[in-house]
Amino acid sequence: MNETTSVTITLNGKPTERPSGQTLLDLLADKGLDSRIVMVEVNEEAIRRERFGETLVHEGDTIEIVRMIAGG
């Protein structure tokens, strides 16, 4: 039996379902975001960019993604 499971998270303030076993890097790719120009917090903890590929998304996580922009 090949069953796809999902987890429910809060992403930028909105409940959303994501595939189980997804990493932050997977999430960013699904959203079309370049990991080099975003800052990600999971449960109010800033995650280092180098850890995006190893940090799994878990049931109940609160994730905030902030896109950095240059300006002056």
N, C-alpha and C. Protein backbone atom coordinates (compact mmCIF):
# COMPACT_ATOMS: atom_id res chain seq x y z
N MET A 1 0.83 -1.17 0.00
CA MET A 1 0.00 0.00 0.00
C MET A 1 0.88 1.24 0.00
N ASN A 2 0.69 2.15 -0.95
CA ASN A 2 1.47 3.36 -1.06
C ASN A 2 0.58 4.53 -0.67
N GLU A 3 0.69 4.96 0.56
CA GLU A 3 -0.18 5.99 1.10
C GLU A 3 0.61 7.27 1.33
N THR A 4 0.12 8.38 0.79
CA THR A 4 0.76 9.66 0.99
C THR A 4 0.16 10.30 2.23
N THR A 5 1.02 10.70 3.16
CA THR A 5 0.54 11.35 4.36
C THR A 5 0.94 12.81 4.32
N SER A 6 0.24 13.60 5.10
CA SER A 6 0.55 15.01 5.14
C SER A 6 0.54 15.49 6.58
N VAL A 7 1.11 16.67 6.77
CA VAL A 7 1.12 17.32 8.07
C VAL A 7 0.47 18.68 7.91
N THR A 8 -0.15 19.16 8.97
CA THR A 8 -0.75 20.49 8.96
C THR A 8 0.18 21.43 9.71
N ILE A 9 0.55 22.52 9.04
CA ILE A 9 1.42 23.53 9.64
C ILE A 9 0.75 24.89 9.50
N THR A 10 1.31 25.87 10.17
CA THR A 10 0.89 27.26 9.96
C THR A 10 2.03 27.93 9.21
N LEU A 11 1.74 28.38 8.00
CA LEU A 11 2.74 28.99 7.14
C LEU A 11 2.38 30.45 6.93
N ASN A 12 3.23 31.33 7.46
CA ASN A 12 2.99 32.77 7.39
C ASN A 12 1.57 33.12 7.85
N GLY A 13 1.17 32.49 8.96
CA GLY A 13 -0.11 32.81 9.60
C GLY A 13 -1.31 32.05 9.08
N LYS A 14 -1.14 31.19 8.07
CA LYS A 14 -2.27 30.47 7.50
C LYS A 14 -2.07 28.96 7.60
N PRO A 15 -3.10 28.23 8.07
CA PRO A 15 -2.99 26.77 8.12
C PRO A 15 -2.85 26.20 6.70
N THR A 16 -1.97 25.25 6.56
CA THR A 16 -1.76 24.61 5.26
C THR A 16 -1.28 23.18 5.46
N GLU A 17 -1.58 22.33 4.50
CA GLU A 17 -1.11 20.94 4.55
C GLU A 17 0.09 20.79 3.64
N ARG A 18 1.08 20.05 4.13
CA ARG A 18 2.30 19.79 3.37
C ARG A 18 2.56 18.29 3.41
N PRO A 19 3.28 17.77 2.42
CA PRO A 19 3.61 16.34 2.43
C PRO A 19 4.48 15.99 3.64
N SER A 20 4.23 14.85 4.22
CA SER A 20 5.04 14.36 5.32
C SER A 20 6.46 14.09 4.82
N GLY A 21 7.45 14.41 5.64
CA GLY A 21 8.84 14.17 5.28
C GLY A 21 9.48 15.29 4.48
N GLN A 22 8.75 16.37 4.28
CA GLN A 22 9.27 17.49 3.49
C GLN A 22 10.26 18.31 4.32
N THR A 23 11.32 18.79 3.66
CA THR A 23 12.29 19.67 4.31
C THR A 23 11.92 21.12 4.02
N LEU A 24 12.58 22.03 4.72
CA LEU A 24 12.37 23.45 4.44
C LEU A 24 12.77 23.78 3.01
N LEU A 25 13.84 23.15 2.52
CA LEU A 25 14.29 23.38 1.15
C LEU A 25 13.22 22.94 0.15
N ASP A 26 12.58 21.79 0.41
CA ASP A 26 11.48 21.32 -0.43
C ASP A 26 10.32 22.31 -0.42
N LEU A 27 9.98 22.79 0.76
CA LEU A 27 8.89 23.75 0.92
C LEU A 27 9.17 25.03 0.12
N LEU A 28 10.38 25.54 0.23
CA LEU A 28 10.75 26.75 -0.50
C LEU A 28 10.67 26.52 -2.01
N ALA A 29 11.16 25.37 -2.46
CA ALA A 29 11.11 25.05 -3.89
C ALA A 29 9.66 24.97 -4.37
N ASP A 30 8.79 24.33 -3.59
CA ASP A 30 7.37 24.23 -3.95
C ASP A 30 6.72 25.60 -4.06
N LYS A 31 7.18 26.54 -3.26
CA LYS A 31 6.63 27.90 -3.27
C LYS A 31 7.34 28.81 -4.28
N GLY A 32 8.35 28.26 -4.98
CA GLY A 32 9.06 29.04 -5.99
C GLY A 32 9.98 30.09 -5.39
N LEU A 33 10.46 29.84 -4.17
CA LEU A 33 11.31 30.81 -3.47
C LEU A 33 12.77 30.37 -3.51
N ASP A 34 13.64 31.31 -3.75
CA ASP A 34 15.08 31.07 -3.77
C ASP A 34 15.59 31.06 -2.33
N SER A 35 16.17 29.97 -1.91
CA SER A 35 16.63 29.84 -0.52
C SER A 35 17.71 30.84 -0.16
N ARG A 36 18.33 31.46 -1.16
CA ARG A 36 19.40 32.42 -0.89
C ARG A 36 18.87 33.80 -0.49
N ILE A 37 17.58 34.05 -0.73
CA ILE A 37 17.06 35.39 -0.45
C ILE A 37 15.88 35.38 0.53
N VAL A 38 15.80 34.33 1.35
CA VAL A 38 14.75 34.28 2.37
C VAL A 38 15.35 33.99 3.73
N MET A 39 14.60 34.36 4.75
CA MET A 39 14.91 34.00 6.13
C MET A 39 13.73 33.15 6.59
N VAL A 40 14.03 32.04 7.28
CA VAL A 40 12.97 31.14 7.72
C VAL A 40 13.05 30.95 9.22
N GLU A 41 11.90 31.07 9.87
CA GLU A 41 11.76 30.77 11.30
C GLU A 41 10.83 29.58 11.44
N VAL A 42 11.22 28.64 12.29
CA VAL A 42 10.35 27.52 12.63
C VAL A 42 10.12 27.58 14.13
N ASN A 43 8.86 27.72 14.51
CA ASN A 43 8.49 27.81 15.93
C ASN A 43 9.32 28.88 16.65
N GLU A 44 9.41 30.05 16.00
CA GLU A 44 10.10 31.23 16.52
C GLU A 44 11.61 31.08 16.64
N GLU A 45 12.18 30.08 15.97
CA GLU A 45 13.64 29.90 15.95
C GLU A 45 14.14 30.10 14.52
N ALA A 46 15.05 31.05 14.34
CA ALA A 46 15.63 31.27 13.02
C ALA A 46 16.47 30.06 12.63
N ILE A 47 16.28 29.60 11.41
CA ILE A 47 17.02 28.43 10.91
C ILE A 47 18.10 28.91 9.96
N ARG A 48 19.31 28.44 10.19
CA ARG A 48 20.43 28.81 9.31
C ARG A 48 20.21 28.21 7.93
N ARG A 49 20.53 28.98 6.92
CA ARG A 49 20.33 28.58 5.52
C ARG A 49 20.95 27.21 5.23
N GLU A 50 22.11 26.94 5.82
CA GLU A 50 22.79 25.66 5.60
C GLU A 50 21.97 24.47 6.10
N ARG A 51 21.00 24.72 6.97
CA ARG A 51 20.20 23.64 7.55
C ARG A 51 18.85 23.44 6.86
N PHE A 52 18.52 24.25 5.86
CA PHE A 52 17.22 24.14 5.19
C PHE A 52 16.99 22.73 4.63
N GLY A 53 18.02 22.13 4.07
CA GLY A 53 17.88 20.81 3.45
C GLY A 53 17.78 19.66 4.43
N GLU A 54 18.12 19.90 5.69
CA GLU A 54 18.06 18.83 6.69
C GLU A 54 16.96 19.05 7.74
N THR A 55 16.32 20.22 7.69
CA THR A 55 15.28 20.54 8.67
C THR A 55 13.92 20.10 8.14
N LEU A 56 13.34 19.09 8.81
CA LEU A 56 12.05 18.56 8.39
C LEU A 56 10.90 19.42 8.91
N VAL A 57 9.83 19.44 8.12
CA VAL A 57 8.59 20.11 8.52
C VAL A 57 7.76 19.08 9.29
N HIS A 58 7.34 19.46 10.52
CA HIS A 58 6.60 18.55 11.39
C HIS A 58 5.18 19.05 11.64
N GLU A 59 4.30 18.12 11.95
CA GLU A 59 2.93 18.44 12.32
C GLU A 59 2.91 19.53 13.39
N GLY A 60 2.11 20.58 13.15
CA GLY A 60 1.94 21.65 14.13
C GLY A 60 2.99 22.74 14.09
N ASP A 61 4.01 22.62 13.23
CA ASP A 61 5.03 23.67 13.14
C ASP A 61 4.41 24.99 12.70
N THR A 62 4.97 26.06 13.23
CA THR A 62 4.64 27.41 12.77
C THR A 62 5.86 27.92 12.04
N ILE A 63 5.69 28.16 10.74
CA ILE A 63 6.81 28.56 9.89
C ILE A 63 6.53 29.93 9.30
N GLU A 64 7.53 30.80 9.42
CA GLU A 64 7.45 32.12 8.82
C GLU A 64 8.58 32.23 7.81
N ILE A 65 8.23 32.64 6.60
CA ILE A 65 9.19 32.85 5.54
C ILE A 65 9.17 34.33 5.19
N VAL A 66 10.34 34.96 5.28
CA VAL A 66 10.45 36.39 4.97
C VAL A 66 11.42 36.55 3.81
N ARG A 67 10.96 37.18 2.77
CA ARG A 67 11.80 37.43 1.60
C ARG A 67 12.60 38.71 1.84
N MET A 68 13.91 38.62 1.68
CA MET A 68 14.76 39.79 1.87
C MET A 68 14.84 40.56 0.56
N ILE A 69 14.73 41.87 0.67
CA ILE A 69 14.85 42.72 -0.50
C ILE A 69 15.85 43.83 -0.22
N ALA A 70 16.55 44.21 -1.24
CA ALA A 70 17.54 45.28 -1.10
C ALA A 70 16.86 46.61 -1.36
N GLY A 71 17.36 47.60 -0.73
CA GLY A 71 16.80 48.92 -0.95
C GLY A 71 17.63 49.95 -0.21
N GLY A 72 17.25 51.16 -0.37
CA GLY A 72 18.04 52.17 0.29
C GLY A 72 17.25 53.43 0.54
